[in-house]
N, C-alpha and C. Protein backbone atom coordinates (compact mmCIF):
# COMPACT_ATOMS: atom_id res chain seq x y z
N MET A 1 -1.62 1.57 57.70
CA MET A 1 -0.81 2.14 56.63
C MET A 1 -0.04 1.24 56.05
N PHE A 2 -0.16 1.34 54.50
CA PHE A 2 0.69 0.66 53.74
C PHE A 2 1.91 1.08 53.76
N TRP A 3 3.19 0.32 53.65
CA TRP A 3 4.51 0.66 53.55
C TRP A 3 4.85 1.75 53.00
N PHE A 4 4.32 1.75 51.79
CA PHE A 4 5.04 3.00 50.91
C PHE A 4 4.24 4.34 51.21
N MET A 5 3.51 4.67 52.23
CA MET A 5 2.89 5.51 52.99
C MET A 5 3.56 6.18 54.07
N GLN A 6 4.77 5.51 54.67
CA GLN A 6 5.12 5.93 55.75
C GLN A 6 6.35 6.84 55.48
N GLY A 7 6.15 7.71 56.39
CA GLY A 7 7.33 9.02 55.96
C GLY A 7 7.01 9.49 54.64
N LEU A 8 8.39 9.69 53.97
CA LEU A 8 8.72 9.83 52.40
C LEU A 8 8.74 9.15 51.47
N CYS A 9 8.25 7.87 52.12
CA CYS A 9 9.02 6.52 51.29
C CYS A 9 8.33 6.68 49.85
N PHE A 10 7.14 7.35 49.65
CA PHE A 10 6.55 7.47 48.34
C PHE A 10 7.42 7.95 47.00
N LEU A 11 8.20 8.95 47.65
CA LEU A 11 9.30 9.62 46.75
C LEU A 11 9.96 8.73 45.75
N PRO A 12 11.00 8.01 46.53
CA PRO A 12 11.62 7.10 45.88
C PRO A 12 10.95 5.85 45.23
N VAL A 13 9.90 5.39 45.62
CA VAL A 13 8.84 4.38 45.13
C VAL A 13 8.56 5.12 43.70
N PHE A 14 7.91 6.10 43.76
CA PHE A 14 7.37 6.87 42.57
C PHE A 14 8.47 7.26 41.48
N LEU A 15 9.72 7.38 41.80
CA LEU A 15 10.99 7.70 41.23
C LEU A 15 11.23 6.35 40.60
N VAL A 16 11.21 5.11 41.22
CA VAL A 16 12.28 4.08 40.79
C VAL A 16 10.89 3.57 39.88
N VAL A 17 9.78 3.51 39.99
CA VAL A 17 8.34 2.92 38.90
C VAL A 17 8.29 3.58 37.94
N TRP A 18 8.53 4.92 38.20
CA TRP A 18 8.07 5.89 36.91
C TRP A 18 9.32 5.66 35.88
N SER A 19 10.39 5.90 36.49
CA SER A 19 11.67 6.00 36.04
C SER A 19 11.90 4.56 34.90
N SER A 20 11.51 3.59 35.60
CA SER A 20 11.66 2.34 34.84
C SER A 20 10.75 2.47 34.12
N CYS A 21 9.42 2.92 33.77
CA CYS A 21 8.46 2.87 32.95
C CYS A 21 9.25 3.90 31.66
N THR A 22 9.68 5.02 32.15
CA THR A 22 10.29 6.00 31.04
C THR A 22 11.16 5.06 30.04
N PHE A 23 11.87 4.09 30.78
CA PHE A 23 12.99 3.46 29.73
C PHE A 23 12.30 2.70 29.06
N ILE A 24 11.38 1.75 29.58
CA ILE A 24 11.10 0.71 28.96
C ILE A 24 9.48 0.99 28.06
N VAL A 25 8.80 1.59 28.67
CA VAL A 25 7.51 1.86 27.49
C VAL A 25 7.62 2.33 26.23
N PRO A 26 8.62 3.55 26.03
CA PRO A 26 8.73 3.89 24.76
C PRO A 26 9.49 3.08 23.71
N TYR A 27 10.33 2.23 24.76
CA TYR A 27 11.17 1.07 24.03
C TYR A 27 10.07 -0.16 23.39
N LEU A 28 9.21 -0.26 24.03
CA LEU A 28 8.16 -1.27 23.81
C LEU A 28 7.42 -0.75 22.61
N ILE A 29 6.98 0.40 22.59
CA ILE A 29 6.27 1.22 21.26
C ILE A 29 7.01 1.18 20.12
N ALA A 30 8.14 1.77 20.28
CA ALA A 30 9.36 1.84 19.17
C ALA A 30 9.47 0.35 18.54
N LEU A 31 9.72 -0.48 19.25
CA LEU A 31 9.97 -1.99 18.97
C LEU A 31 8.54 -2.20 18.16
N PHE A 32 7.43 -2.39 18.78
CA PHE A 32 6.01 -2.84 18.19
C PHE A 32 6.07 -1.92 16.92
N ARG A 33 6.19 -0.58 16.78
CA ARG A 33 6.16 0.26 15.29
C ARG A 33 7.23 -0.27 14.50
N GLY A 34 8.39 -0.77 14.95
CA GLY A 34 9.60 -1.05 13.93
C GLY A 34 10.64 -0.15 13.98
N ASP A 35 10.47 0.85 14.76
CA ASP A 35 11.21 2.12 14.48
C ASP A 35 12.79 1.76 15.20
N VAL A 36 12.90 0.73 15.98
CA VAL A 36 14.22 0.62 16.54
C VAL A 36 14.56 -0.97 16.56
N ASP A 37 15.62 -1.57 16.35
CA ASP A 37 16.04 -2.75 16.61
C ASP A 37 15.80 -3.69 18.08
N ILE A 38 15.40 -4.69 18.21
CA ILE A 38 15.32 -5.24 19.52
C ILE A 38 16.57 -5.48 20.20
N ILE A 39 17.69 -5.49 19.59
CA ILE A 39 19.05 -5.75 20.20
C ILE A 39 19.63 -4.43 20.82
N PHE A 40 19.36 -4.05 22.20
CA PHE A 40 20.12 -2.99 22.75
C PHE A 40 20.02 -1.78 21.59
N PRO A 41 18.95 -1.19 21.35
CA PRO A 41 19.27 0.31 20.69
C PRO A 41 19.36 1.19 21.95
N TYR A 42 20.26 2.22 21.56
CA TYR A 42 20.45 3.45 22.64
C TYR A 42 18.81 3.92 23.18
N ILE A 43 18.87 4.32 24.52
CA ILE A 43 17.59 4.65 25.41
C ILE A 43 17.18 5.97 24.32
N SER A 44 17.84 6.63 23.72
CA SER A 44 17.50 7.72 23.32
C SER A 44 17.00 7.26 21.85
N ASP A 45 17.17 6.29 21.20
CA ASP A 45 16.47 6.01 20.02
C ASP A 45 15.42 5.53 20.19
N THR A 46 14.91 5.08 21.48
CA THR A 46 13.68 4.52 21.37
C THR A 46 12.47 5.80 21.64
N GLY A 47 13.14 7.02 21.72
CA GLY A 47 12.40 8.10 21.77
C GLY A 47 12.79 9.21 21.00
N ALA A 48 13.28 8.71 19.94
CA ALA A 48 13.55 9.47 18.63
C ALA A 48 12.41 9.88 17.72
N ASN A 49 11.58 9.15 17.35
CA ASN A 49 10.09 9.16 16.60
C ASN A 49 9.00 9.34 17.34
N PRO A 50 8.09 10.21 16.67
CA PRO A 50 6.54 10.03 17.45
C PRO A 50 5.89 8.86 16.95
N PRO A 51 5.25 8.63 17.98
CA PRO A 51 4.33 9.08 18.95
C PRO A 51 5.26 8.76 20.31
N GLU A 52 6.31 7.73 20.33
CA GLU A 52 7.47 7.52 21.22
C GLU A 52 7.98 8.55 21.82
N SER A 53 8.39 9.68 20.86
CA SER A 53 9.22 10.74 21.26
C SER A 53 8.76 11.57 22.34
N CYS A 54 6.82 11.73 22.08
CA CYS A 54 6.40 12.48 23.23
C CYS A 54 5.98 12.15 24.07
N ILE A 55 5.96 10.58 24.39
CA ILE A 55 6.00 9.85 25.74
C ILE A 55 7.12 9.81 26.34
N PHE A 56 8.18 9.65 25.54
CA PHE A 56 9.42 9.96 26.31
C PHE A 56 9.78 11.23 26.65
N GLY A 57 9.45 12.17 26.33
CA GLY A 57 9.64 13.29 26.45
C GLY A 57 9.04 14.08 27.52
N LEU A 58 7.72 13.33 27.89
CA LEU A 58 7.16 13.58 28.97
C LEU A 58 7.09 13.03 30.39
N MET A 59 7.37 11.58 30.12
CA MET A 59 7.86 10.81 31.28
C MET A 59 9.30 11.16 31.49
N THR A 60 9.99 11.43 30.89
CA THR A 60 11.63 11.89 31.24
C THR A 60 11.37 13.21 32.24
N PHE A 61 10.61 14.22 31.86
CA PHE A 61 10.52 15.32 32.31
C PHE A 61 9.57 15.11 33.88
N ILE A 62 8.89 14.25 34.08
CA ILE A 62 8.36 13.85 35.23
C ILE A 62 9.16 13.12 36.23
N SER A 63 10.10 12.30 35.45
CA SER A 63 11.10 11.66 36.30
C SER A 63 11.91 12.57 36.54
N ALA A 64 12.24 13.66 36.06
CA ALA A 64 13.48 14.81 36.49
C ALA A 64 12.96 15.38 37.59
N CYS A 65 11.65 15.43 37.43
CA CYS A 65 11.12 16.32 38.81
C CYS A 65 10.80 15.65 39.68
N ALA A 66 10.64 14.36 39.74
CA ALA A 66 10.60 13.48 41.11
C ALA A 66 12.04 13.38 41.23
N GLY A 67 12.80 13.04 40.52
CA GLY A 67 14.30 13.22 41.21
C GLY A 67 14.74 14.42 41.83
N CYS A 68 14.37 15.58 41.22
CA CYS A 68 14.93 16.55 42.25
C CYS A 68 14.02 16.85 43.42
N ALA A 69 12.74 16.23 43.59
CA ALA A 69 12.20 15.92 44.81
C ALA A 69 12.93 15.34 45.55
N THR A 70 13.11 14.10 45.18
CA THR A 70 13.79 13.11 46.09
C THR A 70 15.21 13.49 46.37
N ILE A 71 16.03 13.81 45.62
CA ILE A 71 17.18 14.39 45.88
C ILE A 71 17.41 15.45 46.96
N TYR A 72 16.33 16.25 47.06
CA TYR A 72 16.13 17.63 47.83
C TYR A 72 15.94 16.93 49.14
N ALA A 73 15.12 15.87 49.23
CA ALA A 73 14.47 15.22 50.70
C ALA A 73 15.79 14.55 50.98
N ARG A 74 16.54 13.82 50.39
CA ARG A 74 17.90 13.24 50.64
C ARG A 74 18.86 14.20 51.29
N TYR A 75 18.86 15.41 50.92
CA TYR A 75 19.73 16.28 51.26
C TYR A 75 19.36 16.91 52.54
N LYS A 76 17.85 17.26 52.90
CA LYS A 76 17.61 17.35 54.17
C LYS A 76 17.30 16.31 55.34
N TYR A 77 17.47 15.09 54.80
CA TYR A 77 17.50 13.94 55.43
C TYR A 77 18.88 13.88 56.06
N VAL A 78 19.91 13.94 55.44
CA VAL A 78 21.32 14.06 55.75
C VAL A 78 21.72 15.21 56.59
N GLU A 79 21.22 16.24 56.08
CA GLU A 79 21.31 17.61 57.12
C GLU A 79 20.90 17.39 58.51
N LYS A 80 19.53 16.76 58.69
CA LYS A 80 19.11 16.58 59.82
C LYS A 80 19.99 15.55 60.87
N LEU A 81 20.32 14.42 60.02
CA LEU A 81 21.54 13.47 60.52
C LEU A 81 22.61 14.26 61.04
N SER A 82 23.28 15.09 60.63
CA SER A 82 24.34 15.71 60.76
C SER A 82 24.46 17.05 62.11
N GLU A 83 23.36 17.31 62.16
CA GLU A 83 23.11 18.50 62.91
C GLU A 83 23.56 18.46 64.38
N GLN A 84 23.69 17.39 65.15
CA GLN A 84 24.55 17.35 66.21
C GLN A 84 25.85 16.73 66.17
N ASN A 85 26.12 15.73 65.51
CA ASN A 85 27.57 15.08 65.48
C ASN A 85 28.38 15.50 64.24
N SER A 86 27.78 16.18 63.30
CA SER A 86 28.54 16.40 62.09
C SER A 86 29.48 15.35 61.26
N LEU A 87 28.78 14.18 61.16
CA LEU A 87 29.29 13.25 60.62
C LEU A 87 29.28 13.41 59.23
N VAL A 88 28.67 14.37 58.37
CA VAL A 88 28.78 14.72 57.07
C VAL A 88 29.09 16.29 56.77
N LYS A 89 30.01 16.46 56.39
CA LYS A 89 30.20 18.02 56.02
C LYS A 89 29.23 18.85 55.15
N PRO A 90 28.68 19.93 55.65
CA PRO A 90 27.53 20.61 54.83
C PRO A 90 28.17 20.84 53.86
N CYS A 91 29.23 20.94 53.30
CA CYS A 91 29.60 21.41 52.10
C CYS A 91 29.38 20.33 51.15
N LEU A 92 29.89 19.06 51.39
CA LEU A 92 29.43 17.81 51.06
C LEU A 92 28.50 17.48 50.55
N ASN A 93 27.24 17.81 51.29
CA ASN A 93 26.06 17.47 50.99
C ASN A 93 25.31 18.32 50.35
N LYS A 94 25.82 19.74 50.26
CA LYS A 94 25.14 20.72 49.27
C LYS A 94 25.60 20.38 48.09
N ALA A 95 27.29 20.19 47.76
CA ALA A 95 27.64 19.73 46.48
C ALA A 95 27.00 18.93 45.90
N THR A 96 26.54 17.56 46.84
CA THR A 96 25.70 16.51 46.29
C THR A 96 24.30 16.65 45.79
N LEU A 97 24.01 17.65 46.52
CA LEU A 97 22.45 18.21 46.17
C LEU A 97 22.69 18.67 44.75
N TRP A 98 23.41 19.63 44.64
CA TRP A 98 23.40 20.59 43.15
C TRP A 98 23.67 19.56 42.17
N LEU A 99 24.84 18.57 42.53
CA LEU A 99 25.04 17.52 41.33
C LEU A 99 23.94 16.57 40.92
N GLY A 100 23.02 16.36 41.88
CA GLY A 100 21.94 15.91 41.74
C GLY A 100 21.10 16.43 40.93
N ILE A 101 20.58 17.63 41.23
CA ILE A 101 20.01 18.56 40.45
C ILE A 101 20.26 18.91 38.76
N ILE A 102 21.80 18.83 38.83
CA ILE A 102 22.25 19.09 37.38
C ILE A 102 21.97 17.78 36.76
N ALA A 103 22.19 16.77 37.28
CA ALA A 103 21.92 15.33 36.30
C ALA A 103 20.55 15.34 36.21
N CYS A 104 19.26 15.87 36.85
CA CYS A 104 17.93 16.15 36.36
C CYS A 104 17.85 17.12 35.18
N PHE A 105 18.68 18.08 35.54
CA PHE A 105 18.52 19.11 34.18
C PHE A 105 19.04 18.64 33.12
N GLY A 106 19.90 17.66 33.21
CA GLY A 106 20.26 16.93 31.67
C GLY A 106 19.31 16.22 31.32
N MET A 107 18.70 15.46 32.14
CA MET A 107 17.48 14.50 31.63
C MET A 107 16.58 15.29 30.79
N CYS A 108 16.26 16.37 31.35
CA CYS A 108 15.18 17.45 30.72
C CYS A 108 15.99 17.79 29.27
N ILE A 109 17.31 17.81 29.15
CA ILE A 109 17.75 18.34 27.88
C ILE A 109 17.49 17.21 26.80
N VAL A 110 17.89 15.89 27.54
CA VAL A 110 17.94 14.61 26.61
C VAL A 110 16.36 14.52 26.25
N ALA A 111 15.69 14.86 27.03
CA ALA A 111 14.15 14.52 26.46
C ALA A 111 13.49 15.66 25.77
N THR A 112 14.18 16.88 25.75
CA THR A 112 13.69 17.88 25.02
C THR A 112 13.94 17.89 23.55
N PHE A 113 15.21 17.81 23.26
CA PHE A 113 15.87 17.61 22.28
C PHE A 113 16.52 16.28 21.41
N GLN A 114 15.75 15.83 20.86
CA GLN A 114 15.69 14.66 20.29
C GLN A 114 17.22 14.20 19.50
N GLU A 115 17.66 13.45 19.47
CA GLU A 115 19.24 12.85 19.01
C GLU A 115 19.06 13.07 17.46
N THR A 116 17.78 12.78 16.97
CA THR A 116 17.95 12.82 15.53
C THR A 116 17.47 14.37 15.00
N VAL A 117 17.51 15.15 15.98
CA VAL A 117 16.79 16.56 15.47
C VAL A 117 18.04 17.19 15.69
N VAL A 118 18.47 17.60 17.14
CA VAL A 118 19.49 18.48 17.49
C VAL A 118 20.62 17.59 18.22
N THR A 119 21.58 16.45 17.66
CA THR A 119 22.19 16.09 18.17
C THR A 119 23.20 16.38 19.16
N SER A 120 24.01 17.50 19.04
CA SER A 120 24.97 18.00 19.64
C SER A 120 24.17 18.51 21.08
N VAL A 121 23.36 19.26 21.02
CA VAL A 121 22.54 19.60 22.40
C VAL A 121 22.30 18.12 23.01
N HIS A 122 21.79 17.34 22.54
CA HIS A 122 21.21 15.98 22.94
C HIS A 122 22.17 15.11 23.62
N ASP A 123 23.46 15.35 22.87
CA ASP A 123 24.37 14.39 23.48
C ASP A 123 25.23 15.46 24.64
N PHE A 124 24.96 16.51 24.85
CA PHE A 124 25.72 17.25 26.07
C PHE A 124 24.78 17.12 27.07
N GLY A 125 23.29 17.01 26.79
CA GLY A 125 22.47 16.59 27.96
C GLY A 125 22.70 15.39 28.55
N ALA A 126 22.92 14.38 27.62
CA ALA A 126 23.27 13.17 27.99
C ALA A 126 24.50 12.75 28.70
N VAL A 127 25.68 13.56 28.37
CA VAL A 127 26.80 13.34 29.08
C VAL A 127 26.64 14.25 30.34
N THR A 128 26.29 15.38 30.15
CA THR A 128 25.79 15.87 31.76
C THR A 128 25.21 15.27 32.71
N PHE A 129 24.24 14.44 32.24
CA PHE A 129 23.30 13.60 32.97
C PHE A 129 23.99 12.43 33.64
N PHE A 130 24.72 11.79 33.01
CA PHE A 130 25.62 10.82 33.32
C PHE A 130 26.75 10.88 34.17
N ILE A 131 27.60 11.95 33.81
CA ILE A 131 28.38 12.21 34.65
C ILE A 131 28.20 12.74 35.89
N THR A 132 27.36 13.84 36.21
CA THR A 132 27.04 14.16 37.54
C THR A 132 26.04 13.40 37.99
N GLY A 133 25.44 12.34 37.38
CA GLY A 133 24.53 11.27 37.96
C GLY A 133 25.72 9.99 38.80
N VAL A 134 26.51 10.09 37.99
CA VAL A 134 27.71 8.68 38.30
C VAL A 134 28.24 9.59 39.82
N VAL A 135 28.74 10.68 39.82
CA VAL A 135 29.10 11.26 40.84
C VAL A 135 28.48 11.53 41.98
N TYR A 136 27.08 11.73 41.61
CA TYR A 136 26.38 12.23 42.70
C TYR A 136 26.06 10.62 43.39
N ILE A 137 25.95 9.73 42.75
CA ILE A 137 25.95 8.31 43.27
C ILE A 137 27.03 7.70 44.09
N ILE A 138 28.15 8.07 43.73
CA ILE A 138 29.59 7.84 44.25
C ILE A 138 29.72 8.81 45.92
N LEU A 139 29.36 9.93 45.66
CA LEU A 139 29.41 10.70 46.64
C LEU A 139 28.30 10.38 48.04
N GLN A 140 27.10 10.12 47.38
CA GLN A 140 26.03 9.68 48.33
C GLN A 140 26.64 8.21 49.03
N SER A 141 27.20 7.62 48.19
CA SER A 141 27.97 6.21 48.92
C SER A 141 28.60 6.25 50.05
N VAL A 142 29.57 7.50 49.76
CA VAL A 142 30.52 7.63 50.77
C VAL A 142 29.91 8.56 52.12
N MET A 143 29.07 9.32 51.70
CA MET A 143 28.18 10.02 52.90
C MET A 143 27.56 8.72 53.58
N SER A 144 27.22 7.49 53.05
CA SER A 144 26.34 6.79 53.87
C SER A 144 27.27 6.11 54.62
N PHE A 145 28.42 5.75 54.43
CA PHE A 145 29.78 5.53 55.31
C PHE A 145 29.84 6.35 56.43
N LYS A 146 30.13 7.38 55.97
CA LYS A 146 30.51 8.37 56.88
C LYS A 146 29.44 8.72 57.92
N ALA A 147 28.01 8.44 57.72
CA ALA A 147 26.88 8.59 58.41
C ALA A 147 26.71 7.30 59.36
N TYR A 148 27.22 6.30 58.98
CA TYR A 148 27.10 4.83 59.62
C TYR A 148 27.67 4.92 60.98
N PRO A 149 26.89 4.66 62.06
CA PRO A 149 25.81 3.77 61.94
C PRO A 149 24.47 4.40 62.28
N TYR A 150 24.60 5.68 61.90
CA TYR A 150 23.34 6.40 61.79
C TYR A 150 22.67 6.55 60.64
N GLY A 151 21.45 6.59 60.22
CA GLY A 151 20.34 6.41 58.95
C GLY A 151 20.62 5.01 58.49
N SER A 152 21.49 4.74 57.60
CA SER A 152 21.54 3.62 56.69
C SER A 152 22.11 2.41 57.36
N SER A 153 21.60 1.17 57.15
CA SER A 153 22.18 -0.19 57.68
C SER A 153 23.78 -0.28 56.85
N ILE A 154 24.65 -1.11 57.38
CA ILE A 154 25.70 -1.22 56.72
C ILE A 154 25.50 -2.33 55.27
N CYS A 155 24.31 -2.69 55.27
CA CYS A 155 24.14 -3.78 53.96
C CYS A 155 23.34 -2.64 53.28
N VAL A 156 22.78 -1.67 53.48
CA VAL A 156 22.26 -0.86 52.55
C VAL A 156 23.47 0.04 51.99
N CYS A 157 24.63 0.32 52.68
CA CYS A 157 25.74 1.41 52.57
C CYS A 157 26.69 0.46 51.38
N ARG A 158 26.65 -0.73 51.80
CA ARG A 158 27.32 -1.61 50.82
C ARG A 158 26.94 -1.74 49.72
N ALA A 159 25.50 -2.18 49.30
CA ALA A 159 24.58 -2.09 48.13
C ALA A 159 24.73 -0.63 47.52
N ARG A 160 24.78 0.31 48.26
CA ARG A 160 25.08 1.53 47.40
C ARG A 160 26.54 1.84 46.66
N LEU A 161 27.50 1.26 47.71
CA LEU A 161 28.86 1.12 46.91
C LEU A 161 28.97 0.10 45.65
N VAL A 162 28.42 -0.70 45.70
CA VAL A 162 28.47 -1.86 44.82
C VAL A 162 27.74 -1.12 43.45
N ILE A 163 26.51 -0.54 43.79
CA ILE A 163 26.06 0.08 42.63
C ILE A 163 26.59 1.22 42.10
N ALA A 164 27.27 2.13 43.12
CA ALA A 164 28.08 3.18 42.27
C ALA A 164 29.46 2.74 41.32
N ILE A 165 29.83 1.46 42.08
CA ILE A 165 30.95 1.11 41.48
C ILE A 165 30.69 0.28 40.08
N ILE A 166 29.56 -0.25 39.88
CA ILE A 166 28.98 -0.69 38.22
C ILE A 166 28.57 0.33 37.61
N ALA A 167 27.94 1.69 37.97
CA ALA A 167 27.58 2.74 37.54
C ALA A 167 29.00 3.11 36.82
N ALA A 168 30.20 3.35 37.55
CA ALA A 168 31.36 4.19 37.33
C ALA A 168 31.84 3.18 36.26
N ALA A 169 31.95 1.95 36.45
CA ALA A 169 32.37 0.88 35.47
C ALA A 169 31.73 0.79 34.14
N ALA A 170 30.55 1.19 34.14
CA ALA A 170 29.96 1.08 33.06
C ALA A 170 29.73 2.08 31.98
N PHE A 171 29.86 3.37 32.67
CA PHE A 171 29.90 4.80 32.09
C PHE A 171 31.40 4.79 31.00
N PHE A 172 32.11 4.42 31.72
CA PHE A 172 33.52 4.51 30.61
C PHE A 172 33.37 4.06 29.24
N PRO A 173 32.89 2.65 29.23
CA PRO A 173 32.79 1.79 28.11
C PRO A 173 31.75 2.69 27.12
N THR A 174 30.56 3.44 28.09
CA THR A 174 29.49 3.96 27.43
C THR A 174 29.87 5.07 26.39
N VAL A 175 30.90 5.88 26.94
CA VAL A 175 31.28 7.13 26.55
C VAL A 175 32.61 6.63 25.08
N ILE A 176 33.61 5.54 25.75
CA ILE A 176 34.44 5.25 24.74
C ILE A 176 33.90 4.68 23.48
N CYS A 177 32.72 3.50 23.90
CA CYS A 177 32.69 3.06 22.54
C CYS A 177 31.66 4.15 21.59
N ALA A 178 31.12 4.51 22.42
CA ALA A 178 30.00 5.70 21.55
C ALA A 178 30.88 6.65 20.59
N TYR A 179 32.30 6.75 21.02
CA TYR A 179 33.27 7.80 20.12
C TYR A 179 33.28 7.06 18.81
N PHE A 180 33.57 5.90 18.79
CA PHE A 180 33.78 5.01 17.58
C PHE A 180 32.63 4.82 16.55
N VAL A 181 31.33 5.03 17.35
CA VAL A 181 30.06 4.96 16.61
C VAL A 181 30.10 6.14 15.39
N THR A 182 30.15 5.83 14.33
CA THR A 182 30.03 6.84 13.20
C THR A 182 28.54 6.84 12.65
N GLN A 183 27.74 5.81 12.76
CA GLN A 183 26.48 5.86 12.24
C GLN A 183 25.50 6.43 13.19
N THR A 184 24.50 7.15 12.45
CA THR A 184 23.33 7.77 13.75
C THR A 184 22.09 7.18 13.23
N THR A 185 21.98 5.73 12.38
CA THR A 185 20.84 5.71 11.79
C THR A 185 20.10 4.51 13.08
N LEU A 186 18.70 4.31 13.40
CA LEU A 186 18.07 3.80 14.30
C LEU A 186 18.17 2.44 14.27
N HIS A 187 18.26 1.95 12.53
CA HIS A 187 18.61 0.40 12.38
C HIS A 187 19.90 0.29 12.22
N ARG A 188 20.43 -1.04 12.83
CA ARG A 188 22.22 -1.45 12.76
C ARG A 188 21.85 -2.77 12.17
N HIS A 189 23.00 -3.25 11.44
CA HIS A 189 23.27 -4.41 11.23
C HIS A 189 24.36 -4.72 11.64
N THR A 190 24.49 -6.22 11.59
CA THR A 190 26.09 -6.79 12.25
C THR A 190 26.91 -6.64 11.67
N TYR A 191 26.97 -6.36 10.01
CA TYR A 191 28.10 -6.28 9.02
C TYR A 191 28.47 -4.84 9.29
N ASP A 192 27.94 -3.78 10.06
CA ASP A 192 28.28 -2.64 10.09
C ASP A 192 29.97 -2.49 10.89
N LYS A 193 30.72 -1.76 10.39
CA LYS A 193 31.95 -1.47 11.00
C LYS A 193 32.13 -1.47 12.44
N ASP A 194 31.24 -0.55 12.80
CA ASP A 194 31.04 -0.23 14.28
C ASP A 194 29.89 -0.73 15.09
N TYR A 195 29.40 -1.88 14.48
CA TYR A 195 28.46 -2.58 15.15
C TYR A 195 28.53 -2.96 16.59
N ARG A 196 29.86 -3.38 16.60
CA ARG A 196 30.26 -4.07 18.14
C ARG A 196 30.47 -2.86 19.06
N PHE A 197 31.10 -1.72 18.52
CA PHE A 197 31.16 -0.56 19.42
C PHE A 197 29.71 0.05 20.02
N HIS A 198 28.76 -0.26 18.87
CA HIS A 198 27.30 0.23 19.03
C HIS A 198 26.66 -0.56 20.15
N VAL A 199 26.65 -1.88 20.19
CA VAL A 199 26.25 -2.62 21.15
C VAL A 199 26.61 -2.69 22.39
N ALA A 200 28.07 -2.42 22.36
CA ALA A 200 28.69 -2.32 23.84
C ALA A 200 28.55 -1.11 24.43
N SER A 201 28.19 0.10 23.63
CA SER A 201 28.13 1.32 24.18
C SER A 201 26.59 1.27 24.76
N ALA A 202 25.69 0.74 23.89
CA ALA A 202 24.23 0.81 24.06
C ALA A 202 23.93 -0.02 25.56
N VAL A 203 24.57 -1.33 25.88
CA VAL A 203 24.42 -2.28 26.73
C VAL A 203 25.04 -1.56 27.87
N CYS A 204 26.20 -0.87 27.83
CA CYS A 204 26.52 -0.25 29.14
C CYS A 204 25.93 1.15 29.33
N GLU A 205 25.26 1.92 28.46
CA GLU A 205 24.10 3.05 28.78
C GLU A 205 22.89 2.37 29.64
N TRP A 206 22.28 1.32 29.38
CA TRP A 206 21.39 0.56 30.05
C TRP A 206 21.49 -0.07 31.29
N ILE A 207 22.79 -0.43 31.46
CA ILE A 207 23.32 -0.43 32.65
C ILE A 207 23.48 0.46 33.66
N VAL A 208 23.97 1.84 33.34
CA VAL A 208 24.03 2.89 33.92
C VAL A 208 22.83 3.54 34.34
N ALA A 209 22.16 3.66 33.60
CA ALA A 209 20.73 4.00 33.84
C ALA A 209 19.99 3.34 34.88
N PHE A 210 19.88 1.96 34.48
CA PHE A 210 19.30 1.22 35.60
C PHE A 210 20.00 1.21 36.98
N SER A 211 21.35 1.25 37.08
CA SER A 211 22.07 1.56 38.13
C SER A 211 21.69 2.53 39.09
N PHE A 212 21.15 3.92 38.26
CA PHE A 212 20.53 5.18 38.85
C PHE A 212 19.52 4.75 39.73
N ILE A 213 18.59 3.67 39.09
CA ILE A 213 17.13 3.52 39.40
C ILE A 213 17.47 2.40 40.58
N CYS A 214 18.39 1.72 40.73
CA CYS A 214 18.61 0.43 41.89
C CYS A 214 19.18 1.48 42.97
N PHE A 215 19.84 2.65 42.63
CA PHE A 215 20.42 3.43 43.69
C PHE A 215 19.28 3.95 44.47
N PHE A 216 18.57 4.41 43.84
CA PHE A 216 17.20 5.34 44.48
C PHE A 216 16.32 4.17 45.02
N LEU A 217 16.29 3.04 44.76
CA LEU A 217 15.77 1.82 45.48
C LEU A 217 16.23 1.73 46.83
N THR A 218 17.35 2.13 47.29
CA THR A 218 18.04 2.07 48.48
C THR A 218 17.73 2.98 49.47
N TYR A 219 16.92 3.97 49.05
CA TYR A 219 16.34 5.29 49.83
C TYR A 219 14.84 4.93 50.47
N ILE A 220 14.42 3.81 49.91
CA ILE A 220 13.11 3.58 50.35
C ILE A 220 13.06 3.38 52.14
N GLU A 221 14.19 2.79 52.47
CA GLU A 221 13.93 2.40 53.91
C GLU A 221 14.45 3.77 54.50
N ASP A 222 15.33 4.39 54.10
CA ASP A 222 15.53 5.70 54.99
C ASP A 222 14.51 6.66 55.14
N PHE A 223 13.93 6.72 53.82
CA PHE A 223 12.37 7.29 53.87
C PHE A 223 11.44 7.29 54.62
N LYS A 224 11.50 5.99 55.15
CA LYS A 224 10.27 5.65 55.83
C LYS A 224 9.99 6.37 57.43
N ILE A 225 11.22 6.77 57.90
CA ILE A 225 11.30 7.45 59.22
C ILE A 225 11.57 8.92 59.16
N PHE A 226 11.15 9.59 58.19
CA PHE A 226 11.32 10.96 58.19
C PHE A 226 10.28 11.64 57.35
N LYS A 227 9.81 12.78 57.87
CA LYS A 227 8.83 13.86 56.90
C LYS A 227 9.23 15.24 56.89
N LEU A 228 9.20 15.93 55.49
CA LEU A 228 9.48 17.38 55.42
C LEU A 228 8.00 18.21 55.70
N ARG A 229 7.94 19.11 56.27
CA ARG A 229 6.97 19.89 56.76
C ARG A 229 7.45 21.65 56.27
N VAL A 230 6.31 22.18 55.53
CA VAL A 230 6.76 23.71 55.52
C VAL A 230 6.22 24.79 56.29
N LYS A 231 6.86 25.58 56.77
CA LYS A 231 6.71 26.41 57.81
C LYS A 231 6.27 27.70 56.99
N THR A 232 5.10 28.08 57.30
CA THR A 232 4.46 29.45 56.40
C THR A 232 4.41 30.60 58.00
N GLU A 233 5.28 31.73 57.74
CA GLU A 233 5.28 32.94 58.53
C GLU A 233 4.87 33.96 57.85
N TYR A 234 3.91 34.75 58.73
CA TYR A 234 3.47 36.07 58.23
C TYR A 234 4.06 37.07 58.69
N GLU A 235 4.44 37.91 58.11
CA GLU A 235 5.54 39.03 58.63
C GLU A 235 4.59 40.49 58.31
N ASP A 236 4.58 41.12 59.48
CA ASP A 236 3.67 42.72 59.11
C ASP A 236 4.64 43.66 58.35
C-alpha cells in the first residue's frame, strides 16, 4: 500500500496539493495573459479576469470542500484521542471545528465574488477566511500540545506552533498595509504612492495562504493511523 493510501492520509495530501495548484495555476495563466504583474499581485488579482477567474473559482470551491472534510476528520481524530483521558476539552475541539468550516466558507465567498465586481463582499470573505483560519491553526497548535504525547510527536507540535506564529505575524501587515492601498487596478507601478503598501500587503497575504497549506501538511502523519466509518441503521 502506498503511504498516501494509509488511513485518511489522502485527505490532507489532496488538500495541500490542490490548494497549492489553486494559488499557482491562475497566477501563471494571468501572468501569461498579461493580466497581472509578475511581482507579487494579490492572490485575488490572479483570479479577477476570465478565463483564470473561472479556474480560480472552481479550484477554490474544491479546496474549500476538501478543507471541510479534512477539518472534520481532524475533529473526530481529536475527539477519539480525548475519549478516555480528556486531554482536550470537547468545547474547544468543537469551536475549532466551526472556525475551520467558517474559514472554508470565506474561501467560497472569495471565489464567488471577484474583487473587481463586488469588492465589499469579496473583502468580507477574505477577512473572514484569514481571521478564522489563523485562529483555527493557533487553536490546533494549542490542542496538539495538550494532547501530547498522544497523537502528534513533539516535533510536529513545534512545527505547527512555528507555522501558526508565522501566519499570525503575517496577517497583521496584510490587513494594515491593505488599508493604505488606494488603487484597485491589477497593474501597479513603482512610482505609485501606495506601491510599498501594496507589495508588503501582497507578500504577507501569500505567506499567510501558504502557512495554511504547510499547516495541513503536518496532518499527514496523524491521518495515517485512523479511519472514519459511516454506520447505517434501519429503523422500523
